[in-house]
Amino acid sequence: MLVEETLATPSSFRFTGRALATMHELPAAGPWPSDLTQERLIQVEQAMHFHFEWQVSGALVPLLDRGFRWRIQVYFEKWGISESAVAPNVTVSYIPVSGHTYRAVINLPANSLSEGVYDMVAVLRLYDASGKPLPVAGFEELGKFQVYEQA
C-alpha cells in the first residue's frame, strides 16, 4: 500500500510492518470451483472479501484523539460503456497505541457487480472526530478483474 502522511516528522507517526490489501472470492453457486485459475475471474453470483492490515507507530500515535477513525473504501472502475456506483467501505476506530495492528474486512455481497471488466483500488484515510480528513492517506491497486455470468 502506498501511504503518505504529513502529520509531523516521519519518526513521530509512520506506517510500519505490513500495510496491505488482499481479496478473495467466496465459493460459487454454480458447477465450477471458486478458484478458476486466478482470483481475477469472478462470477456475478460470488461474494468477495477484501482484507486489510496496517500498523502505525511513533511518539505522536498515543497523543492523537481516540475519536479519530480510519476509513477504507474499495472503488470499482468499469471498463467499457458504463460506470459502477458500487463503493463498499468500512470504518475502523483509531487506537492510540504505537505499533497496534489494525485489521479490517470489507464484504461485497454476491450480485453487487454487473458483468464486465473492472479496475479495483482500495483507499485508506484517517479522519478526525468531526469527520474531516487528516493528512494521512494511502491506496493499493488491486488490478483488473472480470466479473461474468455463468452459462
N, C-alpha and C. Protein backbone atom coordinates (compact mmCIF):
# COMPACT_ATOMS: atom_id res chain seq x y z
N MET A 1 0.86 -1.17 0.00
CA MET A 1 0.00 0.00 0.00
C MET A 1 0.90 1.22 0.00
N LEU A 2 0.65 2.15 -0.89
CA LEU A 2 1.36 3.42 -0.91
C LEU A 2 0.71 4.34 0.09
N VAL A 3 1.51 4.92 0.99
CA VAL A 3 0.97 5.75 2.06
C VAL A 3 1.77 7.04 2.15
N GLU A 4 1.07 8.15 2.41
CA GLU A 4 1.73 9.42 2.68
C GLU A 4 1.07 10.01 3.91
N GLU A 5 1.88 10.51 4.81
CA GLU A 5 1.35 11.20 5.97
C GLU A 5 2.22 12.41 6.24
N THR A 6 1.57 13.50 6.62
CA THR A 6 2.30 14.73 6.93
C THR A 6 1.80 15.32 8.24
N LEU A 7 1.45 14.45 9.19
CA LEU A 7 1.01 14.93 10.50
C LEU A 7 2.15 15.59 11.26
N ALA A 8 3.34 15.02 11.16
CA ALA A 8 4.50 15.52 11.90
C ALA A 8 5.76 14.96 11.23
N THR A 9 6.80 14.77 12.01
CA THR A 9 8.02 14.21 11.45
C THR A 9 7.81 12.73 11.15
N PRO A 10 8.56 12.16 10.21
CA PRO A 10 8.40 10.74 9.87
C PRO A 10 8.57 9.79 11.06
N SER A 11 9.39 10.16 12.03
CA SER A 11 9.59 9.26 13.17
C SER A 11 8.48 9.36 14.22
N SER A 12 7.65 10.42 14.17
CA SER A 12 6.61 10.58 15.19
C SER A 12 5.29 9.91 14.81
N PHE A 13 5.07 9.66 13.51
CA PHE A 13 3.86 8.97 13.06
C PHE A 13 4.19 8.32 11.73
N ARG A 14 4.34 7.01 11.73
CA ARG A 14 4.72 6.34 10.49
C ARG A 14 4.04 4.99 10.39
N PHE A 15 3.80 4.59 9.17
CA PHE A 15 3.29 3.25 8.91
C PHE A 15 4.45 2.28 9.04
N THR A 16 4.20 1.18 9.73
CA THR A 16 5.24 0.16 9.89
C THR A 16 4.64 -1.20 9.64
N GLY A 17 5.49 -2.19 9.62
CA GLY A 17 5.02 -3.55 9.40
C GLY A 17 4.36 -3.67 8.05
N ARG A 18 3.32 -4.45 8.00
CA ARG A 18 2.63 -4.67 6.74
C ARG A 18 1.51 -3.68 6.56
N ALA A 19 1.43 -3.10 5.40
CA ALA A 19 0.29 -2.28 5.03
C ALA A 19 -0.17 -2.85 3.70
N LEU A 20 -1.21 -3.65 3.73
CA LEU A 20 -1.59 -4.36 2.52
C LEU A 20 -3.08 -4.49 2.38
N ALA A 21 -3.49 -4.81 1.18
CA ALA A 21 -4.89 -5.10 0.89
C ALA A 21 -4.92 -6.32 0.00
N THR A 22 -5.73 -7.30 0.35
CA THR A 22 -5.89 -8.50 -0.48
C THR A 22 -7.37 -8.80 -0.60
N MET A 23 -7.73 -9.65 -1.55
CA MET A 23 -9.13 -10.04 -1.69
C MET A 23 -9.18 -11.52 -2.02
N HIS A 24 -10.34 -12.11 -1.77
CA HIS A 24 -10.58 -13.47 -2.22
C HIS A 24 -12.07 -13.63 -2.50
N GLU A 25 -12.36 -14.52 -3.41
CA GLU A 25 -13.74 -14.78 -3.77
C GLU A 25 -14.29 -15.90 -2.91
N LEU A 26 -15.58 -15.91 -2.73
CA LEU A 26 -16.23 -16.96 -1.97
C LEU A 26 -16.71 -18.05 -2.92
N PRO A 27 -17.03 -19.23 -2.43
CA PRO A 27 -17.43 -20.32 -3.32
C PRO A 27 -18.60 -19.96 -4.23
N ALA A 28 -18.52 -20.48 -5.43
CA ALA A 28 -19.55 -20.23 -6.44
C ALA A 28 -20.75 -21.13 -6.21
N ALA A 29 -21.91 -20.66 -6.64
CA ALA A 29 -23.13 -21.47 -6.54
C ALA A 29 -23.23 -22.44 -7.71
N GLY A 30 -22.48 -22.18 -8.76
CA GLY A 30 -22.57 -22.99 -9.98
C GLY A 30 -21.76 -24.28 -9.89
N PRO A 31 -21.66 -24.98 -11.01
CA PRO A 31 -20.97 -26.27 -11.03
C PRO A 31 -19.45 -26.16 -11.07
N TRP A 32 -18.87 -24.94 -11.18
CA TRP A 32 -17.42 -24.79 -11.28
C TRP A 32 -16.81 -24.46 -9.93
N PRO A 33 -15.54 -24.79 -9.73
CA PRO A 33 -14.89 -24.44 -8.47
C PRO A 33 -14.71 -22.92 -8.37
N SER A 34 -14.54 -22.43 -7.14
CA SER A 34 -14.41 -20.98 -6.95
C SER A 34 -13.07 -20.44 -7.42
N ASP A 35 -12.05 -21.28 -7.52
CA ASP A 35 -10.74 -20.79 -7.94
C ASP A 35 -10.48 -21.13 -9.41
N LEU A 36 -11.10 -20.38 -10.29
CA LEU A 36 -10.95 -20.60 -11.73
C LEU A 36 -9.62 -20.02 -12.19
N THR A 37 -8.54 -20.74 -11.96
CA THR A 37 -7.17 -20.40 -12.31
C THR A 37 -6.60 -19.26 -11.49
N GLN A 38 -7.28 -18.15 -11.45
CA GLN A 38 -6.86 -16.99 -10.67
C GLN A 38 -8.07 -16.37 -10.01
N GLU A 39 -7.82 -15.50 -9.05
CA GLU A 39 -8.93 -14.75 -8.44
C GLU A 39 -9.16 -13.46 -9.22
N ARG A 40 -9.00 -13.50 -10.49
CA ARG A 40 -9.26 -12.34 -11.34
C ARG A 40 -10.47 -12.59 -12.22
N LEU A 41 -11.07 -13.75 -12.07
CA LEU A 41 -12.30 -14.10 -12.78
C LEU A 41 -13.34 -14.42 -11.71
N ILE A 42 -14.33 -13.56 -11.59
CA ILE A 42 -15.31 -13.67 -10.51
C ILE A 42 -16.69 -13.83 -11.14
N GLN A 43 -17.44 -14.81 -10.69
CA GLN A 43 -18.80 -14.97 -11.17
C GLN A 43 -19.70 -13.93 -10.48
N VAL A 44 -20.69 -13.43 -11.20
CA VAL A 44 -21.61 -12.42 -10.67
C VAL A 44 -22.21 -12.87 -9.34
N GLU A 45 -22.53 -14.16 -9.23
CA GLU A 45 -23.20 -14.63 -8.01
C GLU A 45 -22.22 -15.02 -6.90
N GLN A 46 -20.96 -14.64 -7.02
CA GLN A 46 -19.98 -14.87 -5.96
C GLN A 46 -19.79 -13.60 -5.14
N ALA A 47 -19.68 -13.78 -3.83
CA ALA A 47 -19.33 -12.67 -2.96
C ALA A 47 -17.80 -12.56 -2.92
N MET A 48 -17.31 -11.40 -2.49
CA MET A 48 -15.87 -11.21 -2.34
C MET A 48 -15.59 -10.60 -0.97
N HIS A 49 -14.42 -10.89 -0.44
CA HIS A 49 -13.94 -10.28 0.80
C HIS A 49 -12.65 -9.54 0.48
N PHE A 50 -12.50 -8.35 1.03
CA PHE A 50 -11.28 -7.57 0.90
C PHE A 50 -10.68 -7.43 2.30
N HIS A 51 -9.44 -7.88 2.47
CA HIS A 51 -8.78 -7.88 3.78
C HIS A 51 -7.73 -6.79 3.84
N PHE A 52 -7.65 -6.10 4.99
CA PHE A 52 -6.71 -5.00 5.18
C PHE A 52 -5.98 -5.19 6.49
N GLU A 53 -4.69 -4.85 6.49
CA GLU A 53 -3.89 -4.91 7.71
C GLU A 53 -2.84 -3.81 7.63
N TRP A 54 -2.70 -3.03 8.72
CA TRP A 54 -1.70 -1.97 8.75
C TRP A 54 -1.34 -1.64 10.18
N GLN A 55 -0.21 -0.96 10.34
CA GLN A 55 0.26 -0.53 11.65
C GLN A 55 0.76 0.90 11.55
N VAL A 56 0.65 1.63 12.65
CA VAL A 56 1.30 2.93 12.76
C VAL A 56 2.08 2.93 14.07
N SER A 57 3.18 3.66 14.08
CA SER A 57 3.99 3.74 15.29
C SER A 57 4.59 5.14 15.38
N GLY A 58 5.10 5.45 16.55
CA GLY A 58 5.76 6.73 16.77
C GLY A 58 5.22 7.45 17.99
N ALA A 59 5.93 8.48 18.40
CA ALA A 59 5.58 9.21 19.62
C ALA A 59 4.25 9.95 19.52
N LEU A 60 3.83 10.32 18.31
CA LEU A 60 2.58 11.07 18.13
C LEU A 60 1.34 10.17 18.27
N VAL A 61 1.50 8.89 18.01
CA VAL A 61 0.35 7.96 17.98
C VAL A 61 -0.48 8.02 19.26
N PRO A 62 0.09 7.90 20.46
CA PRO A 62 -0.75 7.92 21.67
C PRO A 62 -1.33 9.30 22.00
N LEU A 63 -0.85 10.35 21.35
CA LEU A 63 -1.33 11.70 21.65
C LEU A 63 -2.55 12.09 20.82
N LEU A 64 -2.85 11.32 19.78
CA LEU A 64 -3.99 11.65 18.91
C LEU A 64 -5.30 11.23 19.56
N ASP A 65 -6.36 11.86 19.19
CA ASP A 65 -7.70 11.67 19.75
C ASP A 65 -8.26 10.28 19.45
N ARG A 66 -8.83 9.65 20.48
CA ARG A 66 -9.48 8.34 20.30
C ARG A 66 -10.69 8.43 19.39
N GLY A 67 -11.20 9.61 19.16
CA GLY A 67 -12.36 9.80 18.29
C GLY A 67 -12.01 9.74 16.80
N PHE A 68 -10.72 9.66 16.48
CA PHE A 68 -10.32 9.55 15.08
C PHE A 68 -10.80 8.22 14.52
N ARG A 69 -11.01 8.18 13.22
CA ARG A 69 -11.47 6.95 12.55
C ARG A 69 -10.70 6.75 11.25
N TRP A 70 -10.36 5.50 11.00
CA TRP A 70 -9.81 5.10 9.70
C TRP A 70 -11.00 4.77 8.80
N ARG A 71 -10.93 5.18 7.56
CA ARG A 71 -11.98 4.82 6.60
C ARG A 71 -11.32 4.14 5.41
N ILE A 72 -11.83 2.98 5.09
CA ILE A 72 -11.31 2.21 3.97
C ILE A 72 -12.44 2.05 2.96
N GLN A 73 -12.14 2.32 1.71
CA GLN A 73 -13.11 2.15 0.63
C GLN A 73 -12.47 1.35 -0.50
N VAL A 74 -13.30 0.61 -1.21
CA VAL A 74 -12.86 -0.07 -2.42
C VAL A 74 -13.66 0.52 -3.57
N TYR A 75 -12.94 1.00 -4.59
CA TYR A 75 -13.57 1.58 -5.76
C TYR A 75 -13.45 0.62 -6.94
N PHE A 76 -14.49 0.59 -7.75
CA PHE A 76 -14.53 -0.26 -8.94
C PHE A 76 -14.76 0.63 -10.15
N GLU A 77 -13.78 0.69 -11.03
CA GLU A 77 -13.95 1.43 -12.27
C GLU A 77 -14.19 0.42 -13.38
N LYS A 78 -15.35 0.53 -13.97
CA LYS A 78 -15.74 -0.43 -15.00
C LYS A 78 -15.23 0.02 -16.36
N TRP A 79 -14.62 -0.88 -17.08
CA TRP A 79 -14.15 -0.60 -18.43
C TRP A 79 -15.30 -0.79 -19.40
N GLY A 80 -15.41 0.09 -20.35
CA GLY A 80 -16.46 -0.06 -21.36
C GLY A 80 -17.45 1.08 -21.33
N ILE A 81 -18.69 0.74 -21.59
CA ILE A 81 -19.70 1.77 -21.84
C ILE A 81 -20.39 2.31 -20.60
N SER A 82 -20.21 1.68 -19.44
CA SER A 82 -20.90 2.16 -18.25
C SER A 82 -19.95 2.19 -17.07
N GLU A 83 -20.33 2.91 -16.01
CA GLU A 83 -19.54 3.00 -14.79
C GLU A 83 -20.24 2.24 -13.68
N SER A 84 -19.52 1.99 -12.58
CA SER A 84 -20.08 1.29 -11.43
C SER A 84 -20.27 2.27 -10.28
N ALA A 85 -21.43 2.20 -9.66
CA ALA A 85 -21.70 3.04 -8.48
C ALA A 85 -21.36 2.31 -7.18
N VAL A 86 -20.85 1.09 -7.28
CA VAL A 86 -20.54 0.28 -6.10
C VAL A 86 -19.25 0.81 -5.47
N ALA A 87 -19.27 1.11 -4.17
CA ALA A 87 -18.09 1.59 -3.44
C ALA A 87 -18.21 1.19 -1.96
N PRO A 88 -18.05 -0.10 -1.65
CA PRO A 88 -18.18 -0.54 -0.25
C PRO A 88 -17.08 0.08 0.61
N ASN A 89 -17.40 0.27 1.90
CA ASN A 89 -16.42 0.85 2.81
C ASN A 89 -16.61 0.32 4.21
N VAL A 90 -15.61 0.55 5.05
CA VAL A 90 -15.67 0.17 6.46
C VAL A 90 -14.94 1.26 7.24
N THR A 91 -15.39 1.51 8.48
CA THR A 91 -14.75 2.47 9.36
C THR A 91 -14.15 1.72 10.54
N VAL A 92 -12.92 2.07 10.90
CA VAL A 92 -12.19 1.40 11.98
C VAL A 92 -11.76 2.45 13.00
N SER A 93 -12.03 2.22 14.26
CA SER A 93 -11.65 3.15 15.32
C SER A 93 -10.14 3.27 15.43
N TYR A 94 -9.68 4.49 15.69
CA TYR A 94 -8.26 4.75 15.90
C TYR A 94 -7.89 4.25 17.29
N ILE A 95 -6.78 3.53 17.40
CA ILE A 95 -6.28 3.05 18.69
C ILE A 95 -4.98 3.79 18.97
N PRO A 96 -4.93 4.62 20.04
CA PRO A 96 -3.74 5.43 20.30
C PRO A 96 -2.60 4.64 20.97
N VAL A 97 -2.20 3.55 20.33
CA VAL A 97 -1.12 2.70 20.84
C VAL A 97 -0.11 2.51 19.72
N SER A 98 1.11 2.93 19.94
CA SER A 98 2.15 2.79 18.93
C SER A 98 2.39 1.31 18.62
N GLY A 99 2.38 0.96 17.35
CA GLY A 99 2.61 -0.42 16.94
C GLY A 99 1.37 -1.29 16.89
N HIS A 100 0.20 -0.73 17.21
CA HIS A 100 -1.04 -1.51 17.16
C HIS A 100 -1.29 -1.98 15.72
N THR A 101 -1.69 -3.24 15.57
CA THR A 101 -2.01 -3.78 14.24
C THR A 101 -3.52 -3.68 14.02
N TYR A 102 -3.88 -2.97 12.97
CA TYR A 102 -5.28 -2.83 12.58
C TYR A 102 -5.60 -3.90 11.56
N ARG A 103 -6.81 -4.43 11.64
CA ARG A 103 -7.31 -5.38 10.65
C ARG A 103 -8.76 -5.03 10.34
N ALA A 104 -9.11 -5.13 9.07
CA ALA A 104 -10.49 -4.85 8.67
C ALA A 104 -10.82 -5.70 7.45
N VAL A 105 -12.11 -5.96 7.28
CA VAL A 105 -12.60 -6.72 6.13
C VAL A 105 -13.79 -5.97 5.55
N ILE A 106 -13.81 -5.85 4.24
CA ILE A 106 -14.98 -5.34 3.53
C ILE A 106 -15.60 -6.51 2.79
N ASN A 107 -16.88 -6.74 3.02
CA ASN A 107 -17.60 -7.81 2.34
C ASN A 107 -18.42 -7.23 1.20
N LEU A 108 -18.24 -7.76 0.02
CA LEU A 108 -19.04 -7.35 -1.13
C LEU A 108 -19.98 -8.50 -1.44
N PRO A 109 -21.29 -8.31 -1.22
CA PRO A 109 -22.24 -9.40 -1.43
C PRO A 109 -22.30 -9.86 -2.89
N ALA A 110 -22.74 -11.07 -3.08
CA ALA A 110 -22.97 -11.61 -4.43
C ALA A 110 -23.93 -10.69 -5.17
N ASN A 111 -23.81 -10.65 -6.48
CA ASN A 111 -24.69 -9.87 -7.36
C ASN A 111 -24.57 -8.35 -7.15
N SER A 112 -23.45 -7.89 -6.57
CA SER A 112 -23.24 -6.44 -6.40
C SER A 112 -22.72 -5.79 -7.67
N LEU A 113 -21.94 -6.54 -8.43
CA LEU A 113 -21.35 -6.01 -9.66
C LEU A 113 -21.98 -6.70 -10.86
N SER A 114 -22.20 -5.91 -11.91
CA SER A 114 -22.70 -6.49 -13.15
C SER A 114 -21.53 -7.04 -13.96
N GLU A 115 -21.85 -7.77 -15.01
CA GLU A 115 -20.82 -8.35 -15.86
C GLU A 115 -19.93 -7.26 -16.43
N GLY A 116 -18.63 -7.51 -16.48
CA GLY A 116 -17.70 -6.56 -17.07
C GLY A 116 -16.30 -6.72 -16.52
N VAL A 117 -15.40 -5.88 -16.99
CA VAL A 117 -14.02 -5.85 -16.51
C VAL A 117 -13.87 -4.59 -15.66
N TYR A 118 -13.29 -4.76 -14.47
CA TYR A 118 -13.16 -3.67 -13.50
C TYR A 118 -11.71 -3.50 -13.07
N ASP A 119 -11.34 -2.24 -12.84
CA ASP A 119 -10.11 -1.91 -12.14
C ASP A 119 -10.51 -1.64 -10.70
N MET A 120 -9.84 -2.29 -9.73
CA MET A 120 -10.20 -2.11 -8.32
C MET A 120 -9.07 -1.43 -7.57
N VAL A 121 -9.44 -0.45 -6.72
CA VAL A 121 -8.48 0.29 -5.92
C VAL A 121 -9.02 0.41 -4.50
N ALA A 122 -8.18 0.12 -3.51
CA ALA A 122 -8.53 0.30 -2.10
C ALA A 122 -7.90 1.58 -1.60
N VAL A 123 -8.67 2.39 -0.85
CA VAL A 123 -8.21 3.69 -0.35
C VAL A 123 -8.34 3.70 1.17
N LEU A 124 -7.30 4.17 1.86
CA LEU A 124 -7.27 4.27 3.32
C LEU A 124 -7.06 5.74 3.68
N ARG A 125 -7.92 6.27 4.57
CA ARG A 125 -7.78 7.66 5.05
C ARG A 125 -8.02 7.70 6.55
N LEU A 126 -7.42 8.68 7.21
CA LEU A 126 -7.64 8.92 8.63
C LEU A 126 -8.44 10.22 8.76
N TYR A 127 -9.53 10.16 9.56
CA TYR A 127 -10.42 11.31 9.77
C TYR A 127 -10.45 11.69 11.24
N ASP A 128 -10.64 12.99 11.50
CA ASP A 128 -10.77 13.41 12.89
C ASP A 128 -12.18 13.12 13.40
N ALA A 129 -12.43 13.46 14.66
CA ALA A 129 -13.72 13.14 15.29
C ALA A 129 -14.90 13.84 14.63
N SER A 130 -14.66 14.96 13.94
CA SER A 130 -15.75 15.67 13.27
C SER A 130 -15.92 15.22 11.82
N GLY A 131 -15.12 14.26 11.39
CA GLY A 131 -15.25 13.73 10.03
C GLY A 131 -14.40 14.42 8.99
N LYS A 132 -13.50 15.30 9.42
CA LYS A 132 -12.61 15.97 8.47
C LYS A 132 -11.38 15.10 8.22
N PRO A 133 -10.94 15.00 6.95
CA PRO A 133 -9.77 14.17 6.65
C PRO A 133 -8.48 14.79 7.19
N LEU A 134 -7.63 13.94 7.74
CA LEU A 134 -6.32 14.35 8.22
C LEU A 134 -5.29 14.06 7.12
N PRO A 135 -4.09 14.61 7.22
CA PRO A 135 -3.10 14.40 6.16
C PRO A 135 -2.42 13.02 6.23
N VAL A 136 -3.25 11.98 6.23
CA VAL A 136 -2.77 10.60 6.17
C VAL A 136 -3.62 9.89 5.13
N ALA A 137 -2.98 9.39 4.09
CA ALA A 137 -3.72 8.74 3.01
C ALA A 137 -2.89 7.63 2.40
N GLY A 138 -3.57 6.61 1.94
CA GLY A 138 -2.88 5.50 1.27
C GLY A 138 -3.82 4.82 0.30
N PHE A 139 -3.24 4.11 -0.67
CA PHE A 139 -4.06 3.33 -1.59
C PHE A 139 -3.30 2.11 -2.07
N GLU A 140 -4.04 1.13 -2.52
CA GLU A 140 -3.49 -0.10 -3.08
C GLU A 140 -4.28 -0.44 -4.32
N GLU A 141 -3.59 -0.58 -5.44
CA GLU A 141 -4.25 -1.02 -6.66
C GLU A 141 -4.38 -2.53 -6.62
N LEU A 142 -5.62 -3.02 -6.75
CA LEU A 142 -5.87 -4.45 -6.72
C LEU A 142 -5.88 -5.04 -8.12
N GLY A 143 -5.82 -4.21 -9.13
CA GLY A 143 -5.72 -4.70 -10.50
C GLY A 143 -7.06 -4.87 -11.19
N LYS A 144 -6.97 -5.46 -12.37
CA LYS A 144 -8.17 -5.70 -13.19
C LYS A 144 -8.78 -7.07 -12.88
N PHE A 145 -10.12 -7.09 -12.90
CA PHE A 145 -10.88 -8.32 -12.65
C PHE A 145 -12.00 -8.39 -13.66
N GLN A 146 -12.33 -9.61 -14.05
CA GLN A 146 -13.51 -9.80 -14.90
C GLN A 146 -14.61 -10.43 -14.07
N VAL A 147 -15.76 -9.81 -14.11
CA VAL A 147 -16.96 -10.35 -13.47
C VAL A 147 -17.83 -10.88 -14.60
N TYR A 148 -18.26 -12.15 -14.50
CA TYR A 148 -19.03 -12.75 -15.58
C TYR A 148 -20.17 -13.58 -15.03
N GLU A 149 -21.15 -13.83 -15.88
CA GLU A 149 -22.28 -14.67 -15.50
C GLU A 149 -22.02 -16.07 -16.02
N GLN A 150 -22.33 -17.05 -15.17
CA GLN A 150 -22.15 -18.43 -15.63
C GLN A 150 -23.20 -18.78 -16.64
N ALA A 151 -22.88 -19.75 -17.46
CA ALA A 151 -23.78 -20.17 -18.56
C ALA A 151 -25.04 -20.82 -18.02
